[in-house]
Every structure is written in structure tokens, then in C-alpha cells.
Amino acid sequence: MSDSSMNVHVTIMDKDYQIACPPSEREALHRAAEELDDRMRVIRSSGNVIGLERIAVMTALNLCYELQQTKGHGQNSSKASTEALQRMMEKLGSALSED
């Protein structure tokens, strides 16, 4: 742990964890821990997954899937934006060449 980090205590699924974290990221860490706790409790309440480790793995898989979907949409949006910009530039070029 560096001099600028401090130990932060979070509780996930009724278990306490101590994590080294820079002071500037403390709030974000607490929000992330709360989100993780909420998601793990939802999976546990479904009754389909038993055991803290399995619940954690299922939650991690769900989060990774959501992250991939977000990245995929970002790439598609970027590609669509680039294509739309290209079409606009072509139209502008055509309009300017007509004058």
C-alpha cells in the first residue's frame, strides 16, 4: 500500500473487507461495494445459486457481460457516428461542387 492509500472497510454479503484505496476514490469504492452487495443479494434470492463463491462468480459474469454490451454499443455508436459524418461530408462536398 502506498503512502497515499488508506484502508477502507466495506461490507459485502455480511462480510467485512479491508481494501487499500486512495482517499479520492473512497466514495466510488463504497458505491461499487454497495452495488456489488445488491447484485449478489439478488442472485442469492433467486435460489438458483448457492454458496458465496458461486454467487460472486455469477455476479462477476453478469457484470462482465454488461460491460461487454456497453463496449459493443459504444463501438457501434462510434462506427455509426463516423459513417453519418462521412455521409454528411459527402453531401456537403456535393453541394459545394454544384456551386
PDB file of N, CA and C in Angstrom:
ATOM      1  N   MET A   1       0.857  -1.177   0.000  1.00  0.00           N
ATOM      2  CA  MET A   1       0.000   0.000   0.000  1.00  0.00           C
ATOM      3  C   MET A   1       0.891   1.223   0.000  1.00  0.00           C
ATOM      4  N   SER A   2       0.636   2.177  -0.892  1.00  0.00           N
ATOM      5  CA  SER A   2       1.448   3.384  -0.965  1.00  0.00           C
ATOM      6  C   SER A   2       1.047   4.361   0.135  1.00  0.00           C
ATOM      7  N   ASP A   3       1.879   5.377   0.304  1.00  0.00           N
ATOM      8  CA  ASP A   3       1.606   6.383   1.336  1.00  0.00           C
ATOM      9  C   ASP A   3       0.290   7.105   1.092  1.00  0.00           C
ATOM     10  N   SER A   4      -0.115   7.226  -0.185  1.00  0.00           N
ATOM     11  CA  SER A   4      -1.333   7.978  -0.489  1.00  0.00           C
ATOM     12  C   SER A   4      -2.595   7.131  -0.347  1.00  0.00           C
ATOM     13  N   SER A   5      -2.438   5.825  -0.155  1.00  0.00           N
ATOM     14  CA  SER A   5      -3.601   4.953   0.005  1.00  0.00           C
ATOM     15  C   SER A   5      -3.933   4.795   1.484  1.00  0.00           C
ATOM     16  N   MET A   6      -5.180   4.455   1.728  1.00  0.00           N
ATOM     17  CA  MET A   6      -5.624   4.185   3.086  1.00  0.00           C
ATOM     18  C   MET A   6      -6.528   2.959   3.047  1.00  0.00           C
ATOM     19  N   ASN A   7      -6.672   2.294   4.161  1.00  0.00           N
ATOM     20  CA  ASN A   7      -7.558   1.145   4.225  1.00  0.00           C
ATOM     21  C   ASN A   7      -8.996   1.606   4.363  1.00  0.00           C
ATOM     22  N   VAL A   8      -9.846   1.035   3.540  1.00  0.00           N
ATOM     23  CA  VAL A   8     -11.268   1.326   3.563  1.00  0.00           C
ATOM     24  C   VAL A   8     -11.981   0.023   3.881  1.00  0.00           C
ATOM     25  N   HIS A   9     -12.952   0.088   4.768  1.00  0.00           N
ATOM     26  CA  HIS A   9     -13.731  -1.090   5.141  1.00  0.00           C
ATOM     27  C   HIS A   9     -15.053  -1.067   4.388  1.00  0.00           C
ATOM     28  N   VAL A  10     -15.361  -2.183   3.749  1.00  0.00           N
ATOM     29  CA  VAL A  10     -16.652  -2.334   3.073  1.00  0.00           C
ATOM     30  C   VAL A  10     -17.270  -3.650   3.531  1.00  0.00           C
ATOM     31  N   THR A  11     -18.569  -3.739   3.442  1.00  0.00           N
ATOM     32  CA  THR A  11     -19.286  -4.957   3.801  1.00  0.00           C
ATOM     33  C   THR A  11     -20.047  -5.446   2.584  1.00  0.00           C
ATOM     34  N   ILE A  12     -19.779  -6.698   2.230  1.00  0.00           N
ATOM     35  CA  ILE A  12     -20.449  -7.320   1.097  1.00  0.00           C
ATOM     36  C   ILE A  12     -20.983  -8.666   1.566  1.00  0.00           C
ATOM     37  N   MET A  13     -22.273  -8.853   1.419  1.00  0.00           N
ATOM     38  CA  MET A  13     -22.931 -10.095   1.856  1.00  0.00           C
ATOM     39  C   MET A  13     -22.584 -10.411   3.309  1.00  0.00           C
ATOM     40  N   ASP A  14     -22.683  -9.403   4.153  1.00  0.00           N
ATOM     41  CA  ASP A  14     -22.455  -9.521   5.598  1.00  0.00           C
ATOM     42  C   ASP A  14     -21.026  -9.901   5.976  1.00  0.00           C
ATOM     43  N   LYS A  15     -20.099  -9.743   5.047  1.00  0.00           N
ATOM     44  CA  LYS A  15     -18.688  -9.985   5.340  1.00  0.00           C
ATOM     45  C   LYS A  15     -17.934  -8.676   5.179  1.00  0.00           C
ATOM     46  N   ASP A  16     -17.018  -8.424   6.116  1.00  0.00           N
ATOM     47  CA  ASP A  16     -16.231  -7.190   6.074  1.00  0.00           C
ATOM     48  C   ASP A  16     -14.939  -7.414   5.309  1.00  0.00           C
ATOM     49  N   TYR A  17     -14.608  -6.432   4.483  1.00  0.00           N
ATOM     50  CA  TYR A  17     -13.378  -6.479   3.705  1.00  0.00           C
ATOM     51  C   TYR A  17     -12.624  -5.168   3.921  1.00  0.00           C
ATOM     52  N   GLN A  18     -11.313  -5.278   3.968  1.00  0.00           N
ATOM     53  CA  GLN A  18     -10.453  -4.113   4.121  1.00  0.00           C
ATOM     54  C   GLN A  18      -9.676  -3.965   2.812  1.00  0.00           C
ATOM     55  N   ILE A  19      -9.810  -2.801   2.170  1.00  0.00           N
ATOM     56  CA  ILE A  19      -9.238  -2.596   0.845  1.00  0.00           C
ATOM     57  C   ILE A  19      -8.409  -1.319   0.845  1.00  0.00           C
ATOM     58  N   ALA A  20      -7.209  -1.402   0.277  1.00  0.00           N
ATOM     59  CA  ALA A  20      -6.368  -0.220   0.127  1.00  0.00           C
ATOM     60  C   ALA A  20      -6.934   0.626  -1.005  1.00  0.00           C
ATOM     61  N   CYS A  21      -7.095   1.914  -0.726  1.00  0.00           N
ATOM     62  CA  CYS A  21      -7.748   2.794  -1.693  1.00  0.00           C
ATOM     63  C   CYS A  21      -7.275   4.222  -1.472  1.00  0.00           C
ATOM     64  N   PRO A  22      -6.964   4.956  -2.542  1.00  0.00           N
ATOM     65  CA  PRO A  22      -6.632   6.372  -2.380  1.00  0.00           C
ATOM     66  C   PRO A  22      -7.832   7.130  -1.822  1.00  0.00           C
ATOM     67  N   PRO A  23      -7.609   8.117  -0.990  1.00  0.00           N
ATOM     68  CA  PRO A  23      -8.731   8.875  -0.402  1.00  0.00           C
ATOM     69  C   PRO A  23      -9.687   9.449  -1.446  1.00  0.00           C
ATOM     70  N   SER A  24      -9.159   9.848  -2.593  1.00  0.00           N
ATOM     71  CA  SER A  24     -10.007  10.461  -3.620  1.00  0.00           C
ATOM     72  C   SER A  24     -10.982   9.464  -4.247  1.00  0.00           C
ATOM     73  N   GLU A  25     -10.726   8.161  -4.084  1.00  0.00           N
ATOM     74  CA  GLU A  25     -11.583   7.142  -4.684  1.00  0.00           C
ATOM     75  C   GLU A  25     -12.446   6.413  -3.653  1.00  0.00           C
ATOM     76  N   ARG A  26     -12.415   6.894  -2.419  1.00  0.00           N
ATOM     77  CA  ARG A  26     -13.132   6.223  -1.338  1.00  0.00           C
ATOM     78  C   ARG A  26     -14.636   6.140  -1.585  1.00  0.00           C
ATOM     79  N   GLU A  27     -15.246   7.237  -1.994  1.00  0.00           N
ATOM     80  CA  GLU A  27     -16.696   7.248  -2.250  1.00  0.00           C
ATOM     81  C   GLU A  27     -17.061   6.291  -3.375  1.00  0.00           C
ATOM     82  N   ALA A  28     -16.266   6.292  -4.434  1.00  0.00           N
ATOM     83  CA  ALA A  28     -16.540   5.391  -5.560  1.00  0.00           C
ATOM     84  C   ALA A  28     -16.426   3.939  -5.127  1.00  0.00           C
ATOM     85  N   LEU A  29     -15.459   3.629  -4.279  1.00  0.00           N
ATOM     86  CA  LEU A  29     -15.309   2.270  -3.778  1.00  0.00           C
ATOM     87  C   LEU A  29     -16.530   1.863  -2.959  1.00  0.00           C
ATOM     88  N   HIS A  30     -17.015   2.766  -2.112  1.00  0.00           N
ATOM     89  CA  HIS A  30     -18.208   2.454  -1.314  1.00  0.00           C
ATOM     90  C   HIS A  30     -19.425   2.225  -2.209  1.00  0.00           C
ATOM     91  N   ARG A  31     -19.587   3.046  -3.241  1.00  0.00           N
ATOM     92  CA  ARG A  31     -20.715   2.863  -4.164  1.00  0.00           C
ATOM     93  C   ARG A  31     -20.594   1.534  -4.905  1.00  0.00           C
ATOM     94  N   ALA A  32     -19.373   1.191  -5.318  1.00  0.00           N
ATOM     95  CA  ALA A  32     -19.155  -0.074  -6.015  1.00  0.00           C
ATOM     96  C   ALA A  32     -19.469  -1.255  -5.098  1.00  0.00           C
ATOM     97  N   ALA A  33     -19.050  -1.168  -3.849  1.00  0.00           N
ATOM     98  CA  ALA A  33     -19.315  -2.242  -2.889  1.00  0.00           C
ATOM     99  C   ALA A  33     -20.811  -2.388  -2.645  1.00  0.00           C
ATOM    100  N   GLU A  34     -21.528  -1.281  -2.556  1.00  0.00           N
ATOM    101  CA  GLU A  34     -22.980  -1.334  -2.373  1.00  0.00           C
ATOM    102  C   GLU A  34     -23.660  -1.966  -3.579  1.00  0.00           C
ATOM    103  N   GLU A  35     -23.218  -1.582  -4.770  1.00  0.00           N
ATOM    104  CA  GLU A  35     -23.778  -2.152  -5.996  1.00  0.00           C
ATOM    105  C   GLU A  35     -23.510  -3.653  -6.055  1.00  0.00           C
ATOM    106  N   LEU A  36     -22.296  -4.054  -5.740  1.00  0.00           N
ATOM    107  CA  LEU A  36     -21.942  -5.471  -5.736  1.00  0.00           C
ATOM    108  C   LEU A  36     -22.780  -6.235  -4.720  1.00  0.00           C
ATOM    109  N   ASP A  37     -22.921  -5.680  -3.525  1.00  0.00           N
ATOM    110  CA  ASP A  37     -23.725  -6.310  -2.490  1.00  0.00           C
ATOM    111  C   ASP A  37     -25.170  -6.488  -2.959  1.00  0.00           C
ATOM    112  N   ASP A  38     -25.731  -5.447  -3.553  1.00  0.00           N
ATOM    113  CA  ASP A  38     -27.108  -5.525  -4.055  1.00  0.00           C
ATOM    114  C   ASP A  38     -27.256  -6.614  -5.109  1.00  0.00           C
ATOM    115  N   ARG A  39     -26.331  -6.652  -6.061  1.00  0.00           N
ATOM    116  CA  ARG A  39     -26.413  -7.632  -7.142  1.00  0.00           C
ATOM    117  C   ARG A  39     -26.248  -9.057  -6.622  1.00  0.00           C
ATOM    118  N   MET A  40     -25.332  -9.233  -5.684  1.00  0.00           N
ATOM    119  CA  MET A  40     -25.116 -10.569  -5.125  1.00  0.00           C
ATOM    120  C   MET A  40     -26.351 -11.030  -4.357  1.00  0.00           C
ATOM    121  N   ARG A  41     -26.999 -10.119  -3.648  1.00  0.00           N
ATOM    122  CA  ARG A  41     -28.205 -10.478  -2.899  1.00  0.00           C
ATOM    123  C   ARG A  41     -29.351 -10.865  -3.840  1.00  0.00           C
ATOM    124  N   VAL A  42     -29.443 -10.199  -4.978  1.00  0.00           N
ATOM    125  CA  VAL A  42     -30.472 -10.552  -5.962  1.00  0.00           C
ATOM    126  C   VAL A  42     -30.238 -11.970  -6.469  1.00  0.00           C
ATOM    127  N   ILE A  43     -28.993 -12.300  -6.788  1.00  0.00           N
ATOM    128  CA  ILE A  43     -28.679 -13.644  -7.268  1.00  0.00           C
ATOM    129  C   ILE A  43     -28.949 -14.672  -6.178  1.00  0.00           C
ATOM    130  N   ARG A  44     -28.568 -14.363  -4.945  1.00  0.00           N
ATOM    131  CA  ARG A  44     -28.816 -15.291  -3.837  1.00  0.00           C
ATOM    132  C   ARG A  44     -30.314 -15.506  -3.647  1.00  0.00           C
ATOM    133  N   SER A  45     -31.100 -14.441  -3.761  1.00  0.00           N
ATOM    134  CA  SER A  45     -32.543 -14.558  -3.530  1.00  0.00           C
ATOM    135  C   SER A  45     -33.247 -15.351  -4.621  1.00  0.00           C
ATOM    136  N   SER A  46     -32.607 -15.494  -5.783  1.00  0.00           N
ATOM    137  CA  SER A  46     -33.218 -16.289  -6.845  1.00  0.00           C
ATOM    138  C   SER A  46     -33.293 -17.757  -6.461  1.00  0.00           C
ATOM    139  N   GLY A  47     -32.407 -18.171  -5.534  1.00  0.00           N
ATOM    140  CA  GLY A  47     -32.416 -19.547  -5.062  1.00  0.00           C
ATOM    141  C   GLY A  47     -31.729 -20.526  -5.989  1.00  0.00           C
ATOM    142  N   ASN A  48     -31.296 -20.060  -7.156  1.00  0.00           N
ATOM    143  CA  ASN A  48     -30.664 -20.952  -8.121  1.00  0.00           C
ATOM    144  C   ASN A  48     -29.176 -21.148  -7.865  1.00  0.00           C
ATOM    145  N   VAL A  49     -28.566 -20.236  -7.112  1.00  0.00           N
ATOM    146  CA  VAL A  49     -27.130 -20.291  -6.872  1.00  0.00           C
ATOM    147  C   VAL A  49     -26.893 -20.324  -5.370  1.00  0.00           C
ATOM    148  N   ILE A  50     -26.132 -21.313  -4.926  1.00  0.00           N
ATOM    149  CA  ILE A  50     -25.868 -21.472  -3.503  1.00  0.00           C
ATOM    150  C   ILE A  50     -24.365 -21.360  -3.264  1.00  0.00           C
ATOM    151  N   GLY A  51     -23.999 -20.676  -2.218  1.00  0.00           N
ATOM    152  CA  GLY A  51     -22.595 -20.529  -1.854  1.00  0.00           C
ATOM    153  C   GLY A  51     -22.067 -19.166  -2.258  1.00  0.00           C
ATOM    154  N   LEU A  52     -21.366 -18.542  -1.333  1.00  0.00           N
ATOM    155  CA  LEU A  52     -20.861 -17.185  -1.566  1.00  0.00           C
ATOM    156  C   LEU A  52     -19.951 -17.114  -2.782  1.00  0.00           C
ATOM    157  N   GLU A  53     -19.077 -18.092  -2.945  1.00  0.00           N
ATOM    158  CA  GLU A  53     -18.152 -18.071  -4.079  1.00  0.00           C
ATOM    159  C   GLU A  53     -18.897 -18.163  -5.404  1.00  0.00           C
ATOM    160  N   ARG A  54     -19.869 -19.040  -5.485  1.00  0.00           N
ATOM    161  CA  ARG A  54     -20.644 -19.183  -6.728  1.00  0.00           C
ATOM    162  C   ARG A  54     -21.477 -17.932  -7.008  1.00  0.00           C
ATOM    163  N   ILE A  55     -22.030 -17.335  -5.968  1.00  0.00           N
ATOM    164  CA  ILE A  55     -22.787 -16.090  -6.138  1.00  0.00           C
ATOM    165  C   ILE A  55     -21.863 -15.002  -6.660  1.00  0.00           C
ATOM    166  N   ALA A  56     -20.648 -14.924  -6.105  1.00  0.00           N
ATOM    167  CA  ALA A  56     -19.674 -13.921  -6.550  1.00  0.00           C
ATOM    168  C   ALA A  56     -19.294 -14.141  -8.007  1.00  0.00           C
ATOM    169  N   VAL A  57     -19.092 -15.397  -8.401  1.00  0.00           N
ATOM    170  CA  VAL A  57     -18.720 -15.695  -9.785  1.00  0.00           C
ATOM    171  C   VAL A  57     -19.862 -15.344 -10.729  1.00  0.00           C
ATOM    172  N   MET A  58     -21.082 -15.693 -10.378  1.00  0.00           N
ATOM    173  CA  MET A  58     -22.225 -15.357 -11.233  1.00  0.00           C
ATOM    174  C   MET A  58     -22.391 -13.841 -11.362  1.00  0.00           C
ATOM    175  N   THR A  59     -22.196 -13.139 -10.258  1.00  0.00           N
ATOM    176  CA  THR A  59     -22.289 -11.682 -10.300  1.00  0.00           C
ATOM    177  C   THR A  59     -21.195 -11.110 -11.190  1.00  0.00           C
ATOM    178  N   ALA A  60     -19.978 -11.626 -11.057  1.00  0.00           N
ATOM    179  CA  ALA A  60     -18.870 -11.157 -11.890  1.00  0.00           C
ATOM    180  C   ALA A  60     -19.152 -11.424 -13.368  1.00  0.00           C
ATOM    181  N   LEU A  61     -19.690 -12.598 -13.679  1.00  0.00           N
ATOM    182  CA  LEU A  61     -20.032 -12.900 -15.070  1.00  0.00           C
ATOM    183  C   LEU A  61     -21.085 -11.936 -15.605  1.00  0.00           C
ATOM    184  N   ASN A  62     -22.103 -11.659 -14.792  1.00  0.00           N
ATOM    185  CA  ASN A  62     -23.138 -10.709 -15.212  1.00  0.00           C
ATOM    186  C   ASN A  62     -22.550  -9.322 -15.460  1.00  0.00           C
ATOM    187  N   LEU A  63     -21.687  -8.879 -14.563  1.00  0.00           N
ATOM    188  CA  LEU A  63     -21.067  -7.560 -14.717  1.00  0.00           C
ATOM    189  C   LEU A  63     -20.187  -7.501 -15.960  1.00  0.00           C
ATOM    190  N   CYS A  64     -19.417  -8.569 -16.205  1.00  0.00           N
ATOM    191  CA  CYS A  64     -18.564  -8.621 -17.397  1.00  0.00           C
ATOM    192  C   CYS A  64     -19.403  -8.610 -18.670  1.00  0.00           C
ATOM    193  N   TYR A  65     -20.502  -9.342 -18.650  1.00  0.00           N
ATOM    194  CA  TYR A  65     -21.399  -9.357 -19.804  1.00  0.00           C
ATOM    195  C   TYR A  65     -21.950  -7.954 -20.072  1.00  0.00           C
ATOM    196  N   GLU A  66     -22.412  -7.286 -19.017  1.00  0.00           N
ATOM    197  CA  GLU A  66     -22.933  -5.929 -19.172  1.00  0.00           C
ATOM    198  C   GLU A  66     -21.854  -4.981 -19.695  1.00  0.00           C
ATOM    199  N   LEU A  67     -20.631  -5.141 -19.210  1.00  0.00           N
ATOM    200  CA  LEU A  67     -19.529  -4.309 -19.674  1.00  0.00           C
ATOM    201  C   LEU A  67     -19.263  -4.541 -21.155  1.00  0.00           C
ATOM    202  N   GLN A  68     -19.273  -5.803 -21.585  1.00  0.00           N
ATOM    203  CA  GLN A  68     -19.079  -6.109 -22.997  1.00  0.00           C
ATOM    204  C   GLN A  68     -20.181  -5.500 -23.849  1.00  0.00           C
ATOM    205  N   GLN A  69     -21.424  -5.578 -23.370  1.00  0.00           N
ATOM    206  CA  GLN A  69     -22.541  -4.993 -24.107  1.00  0.00           C
ATOM    207  C   GLN A  69     -22.374  -3.486 -24.236  1.00  0.00           C
ATOM    208  N   THR A  70     -21.940  -2.856 -23.153  1.00  0.00           N
ATOM    209  CA  THR A  70     -21.726  -1.408 -23.176  1.00  0.00           C
ATOM    210  C   THR A  70     -20.622  -1.049 -24.151  1.00  0.00           C
ATOM    211  N   LYS A  71     -19.533  -1.800 -24.109  1.00  0.00           N
ATOM    212  CA  LYS A  71     -18.427  -1.551 -25.041  1.00  0.00           C
ATOM    213  C   LYS A  71     -18.873  -1.772 -26.468  1.00  0.00           C
ATOM    214  N   GLY A  72     -19.661  -2.815 -26.694  1.00  0.00           N
ATOM    215  CA  GLY A  72     -20.149  -3.102 -28.037  1.00  0.00           C
ATOM    216  C   GLY A  72     -21.021  -1.992 -28.568  1.00  0.00           C
ATOM    217  N   HIS A  73     -21.906  -1.477 -27.714  1.00  0.00           N
ATOM    218  CA  HIS A  73     -22.772  -0.371 -28.135  1.00  0.00           C
ATOM    219  C   HIS A  73     -21.940   0.874 -28.394  1.00  0.00           C
ATOM    220  N   GLY A  74     -20.919   1.081 -27.604  1.00  0.00           N
ATOM    221  CA  GLY A  74     -20.046   2.234 -27.803  1.00  0.00           C
ATOM    222  C   GLY A  74     -19.331   2.152 -29.130  1.00  0.00           C
ATOM    223  N   GLN A  75     -18.872   0.957 -29.502  1.00  0.00           N
ATOM    224  CA  GLN A  75     -18.189   0.786 -30.780  1.00  0.00           C
ATOM    225  C   GLN A  75     -19.168   0.976 -31.924  1.00  0.00           C
ATOM    226  N   ASN A  76     -20.380   0.415 -31.781  1.00  0.00           N
ATOM    227  CA  ASN A  76     -21.374   0.578 -32.830  1.00  0.00           C
ATOM    228  C   ASN A  76     -21.771   2.033 -32.978  1.00  0.00           C
ATOM    229  N   SER A  77     -21.921   2.726 -31.845  1.00  0.00           N
ATOM    230  CA  SER A  77     -22.275   4.137 -31.896  1.00  0.00           C
ATOM    231  C   SER A  77     -21.172   4.934 -32.555  1.00  0.00           C
ATOM    232  N   SER A  78     -19.939   4.611 -32.225  1.00  0.00           N
ATOM    233  CA  SER A  78     -18.800   5.314 -32.799  1.00  0.00           C
ATOM    234  C   SER A  78     -18.749   5.070 -34.302  1.00  0.00           C
ATOM    235  N   LYS A  79     -18.940   3.828 -34.708  1.00  0.00           N
ATOM    236  CA  LYS A  79     -18.921   3.495 -36.130  1.00  0.00           C
ATOM    237  C   LYS A  79     -20.069   4.186 -36.853  1.00  0.00           C
ATOM    238  N   ALA A  80     -21.252   4.168 -36.253  1.00  0.00           N
ATOM    239  CA  ALA A  80     -22.412   4.817 -36.858  1.00  0.00           C
ATOM    240  C   ALA A  80     -22.193   6.321 -36.962  1.00  0.00           C
ATOM    241  N   SER A  81     -21.599   6.906 -35.929  1.00  0.00           N
ATOM    242  CA  SER A  81     -21.322   8.337 -35.958  1.00  0.00           C
ATOM    243  C   SER A  81     -20.319   8.669 -37.051  1.00  0.00           C
ATOM    244  N   THR A  82     -19.299   7.843 -37.190  1.00  0.00           N
ATOM    245  CA  THR A  82     -18.290   8.062 -38.225  1.00  0.00           C
ATOM    246  C   THR A  82     -18.916   7.958 -39.606  1.00  0.00           C
ATOM    247  N   GLU A  83     -19.776   6.944 -39.793  1.00  0.00           N
ATOM    248  CA  GLU A  83     -20.445   6.783 -41.085  1.00  0.00           C
ATOM    249  C   GLU A  83     -21.381   7.950 -41.378  1.00  0.00           C
ATOM    250  N   ALA A  84     -22.116   8.408 -40.377  1.00  0.00           N
ATOM    251  CA  ALA A  84     -23.021   9.542 -40.566  1.00  0.00           C
ATOM    252  C   ALA A  84     -22.231  10.796 -40.904  1.00  0.00           C
ATOM    253  N   LEU A  85     -21.114  10.991 -40.226  1.00  0.00           N
ATOM    254  CA  LEU A  85     -20.261  12.148 -40.508  1.00  0.00           C
ATOM    255  C   LEU A  85     -19.721  12.063 -41.927  1.00  0.00           C
ATOM    256  N   GLN A  86     -19.319  10.872 -42.353  1.00  0.00           N
ATOM    257  CA  GLN A  86     -18.810  10.692 -43.714  1.00  0.00           C
ATOM    258  C   GLN A  86     -19.882  11.034 -44.740  1.00  0.00           C
ATOM    259  N   ARG A  87     -21.122  10.567 -44.502  1.00  0.00           N
ATOM    260  CA  ARG A  87     -22.223  10.878 -45.427  1.00  0.00           C
ATOM    261  C   ARG A  87     -22.481  12.379 -45.474  1.00  0.00           C
ATOM    262  N   MET A  88     -22.457  13.036 -44.332  1.00  0.00           N
ATOM    263  CA  MET A  88     -22.670  14.479 -44.285  1.00  0.00           C
ATOM    264  C   MET A  88     -21.574  15.206 -45.047  1.00  0.00           C
ATOM    265  N   MET A  89     -20.331  14.753 -44.906  1.00  0.00           N
ATOM    266  CA  MET A  89     -19.218  15.386 -45.614  1.00  0.00           C
ATOM    267  C   MET A  89     -19.363  15.199 -47.123  1.00  0.00           C
ATOM    268  N   GLU A  90     -19.832  14.018 -47.544  1.00  0.00           N
ATOM    269  CA  GLU A  90     -20.049  13.773 -48.967  1.00  0.00           C
ATOM    270  C   GLU A  90     -21.144  14.680 -49.514  1.00  0.00           C
ATOM    271  N   LYS A  91     -22.233  14.821 -48.758  1.00  0.00           N
ATOM    272  CA  LYS A  91     -23.323  15.698 -49.183  1.00  0.00           C
ATOM    273  C   LYS A  91     -22.850  17.144 -49.264  1.00  0.00           C
ATOM    274  N   LEU A  92     -22.089  17.556 -48.265  1.00  0.00           N
ATOM    275  CA  LEU A  92     -21.564  18.921 -48.254  1.00  0.00           C
ATOM    276  C   LEU A  92     -20.623  19.126 -49.431  1.00  0.00           C
ATOM    277  N   GLY A  93     -19.794  18.128 -49.694  1.00  0.00           N
ATOM    278  CA  GLY A  93     -18.868  18.214 -50.835  1.00  0.00           C
ATOM    279  C   GLY A  93     -19.634  18.321 -52.147  1.00  0.00           C
ATOM    280  N   SER A  94     -20.718  17.542 -52.284  1.00  0.00           N
ATOM    281  CA  SER A  94     -21.532  17.603 -53.499  1.00  0.00           C
ATOM    282  C   SER A  94     -22.198  18.958 -53.636  1.00  0.00           C
ATOM    283  N   ALA A  95     -22.727  19.452 -52.532  1.00  0.00           N
ATOM    284  CA  ALA A  95     -23.404  20.756 -52.574  1.00  0.00           C
ATOM    285  C   ALA A  95     -22.418  21.866 -52.928  1.00  0.00           C
ATOM    286  N   LEU A  96     -21.241  21.824 -52.394  1.00  0.00           N
ATOM    287  CA  LEU A  96     -20.248  22.840 -52.685  1.00  0.00           C
ATOM    288  C   LEU A  96     -19.742  22.754 -54.129  1.00  0.00           C
ATOM    289  N   SER A  97     -19.642  21.545 -54.655  1.00  0.00           N
ATOM    290  CA  SER A  97     -19.145  21.394 -56.032  1.00  0.00           C
ATOM    291  C   SER A  97     -20.185  21.838 -57.044  1.00  0.00           C
ATOM    292  N   GLU A  98     -21.470  21.844 -56.672  1.00  0.00           N
ATOM    293  CA  GLU A  98     -22.521  22.297 -57.580  1.00  0.00           C
ATOM    294  C   GLU A  98     -22.498  23.803 -57.745  1.00  0.00           C
ATOM    295  N   ASP A  99     -21.969  24.527 -56.760  1.00  0.00           N
ATOM    296  CA  ASP A  99     -21.967  25.997 -56.838  1.00  0.00           C
ATOM    297  C   ASP A  99     -20.887  26.523 -57.666  1.00  0.00           C
TER     298      ASP A  99
END
